Amino acid sequence: MRFLSEILERPKNEKPFLLIPVGYPAPDAKVPDIRKKPLSDVMNVL
């Protein structure tokens, strides 16, 4: 992922990585209800 460090202009001592959670939340976990915003909320018309 050297290209990502170059694009983000990060120092050489920092290394990007990807963390992918696997599994299911605990029965008592609080999972946020994330929903997509409507296009009209995020679209900019010039």
Protein backbone atom coordinates (compact mmCIF):
# COMPACT_ATOMS: atom_id res chain seq x y z
CA MET A 1 0.00 0.00 0.00
CA ARG A 2 2.92 2.32 -0.62
CA PHE A 3 0.84 4.20 -3.21
CA LEU A 4 -1.68 5.15 -0.50
CA SER A 5 1.05 6.57 1.73
CA GLU A 6 2.26 8.66 -1.19
CA ILE A 7 -1.22 9.91 -2.08
CA LEU A 8 -1.97 10.86 1.54
CA GLU A 9 1.55 12.27 2.00
CA ARG A 10 2.14 10.26 5.17
CA PRO A 11 5.60 9.85 6.74
CA LYS A 12 7.56 6.67 6.01
CA ASN A 13 7.19 5.42 9.59
CA GLU A 14 3.38 5.17 9.14
CA LYS A 15 1.91 2.23 7.25
CA PRO A 16 -1.74 2.06 6.10
CA PHE A 17 -3.71 -1.08 6.84
CA LEU A 18 -7.23 -2.35 6.48
CA LEU A 19 -9.20 -3.79 9.38
CA ILE A 20 -12.22 -5.92 8.50
CA PRO A 21 -14.41 -6.96 11.42
CA VAL A 22 -15.75 -10.49 11.05
CA GLY A 23 -18.59 -12.14 12.92
CA TYR A 24 -21.76 -11.01 14.62
CA PRO A 25 -22.27 -8.44 17.38
CA ALA A 26 -22.87 -9.69 20.92
CA PRO A 27 -26.57 -10.03 21.81
CA ASP A 28 -26.35 -6.99 24.10
CA ALA A 29 -24.24 -4.83 21.71
CA LYS A 30 -25.58 -1.44 20.69
CA VAL A 31 -25.31 -1.30 16.90
CA PRO A 32 -26.11 2.10 15.34
CA ASP A 33 -28.95 2.28 12.80
CA ILE A 34 -27.03 3.74 9.87
CA ARG A 35 -29.09 4.72 6.86
CA LYS A 36 -28.22 6.27 3.55
CA LYS A 37 -29.06 9.96 3.17
CA PRO A 38 -31.36 10.86 0.29
CA LEU A 39 -29.57 12.20 -2.79
CA SER A 40 -31.24 15.59 -2.32
CA ASP A 41 -29.45 15.99 1.05
CA VAL A 42 -25.96 15.48 -0.38
CA MET A 43 -26.23 16.76 -3.96
CA ASN A 44 -24.89 20.23 -4.77
CA VAL A 45 -26.42 21.91 -7.81
CA LEU A 46 -24.47 24.82 -9.24
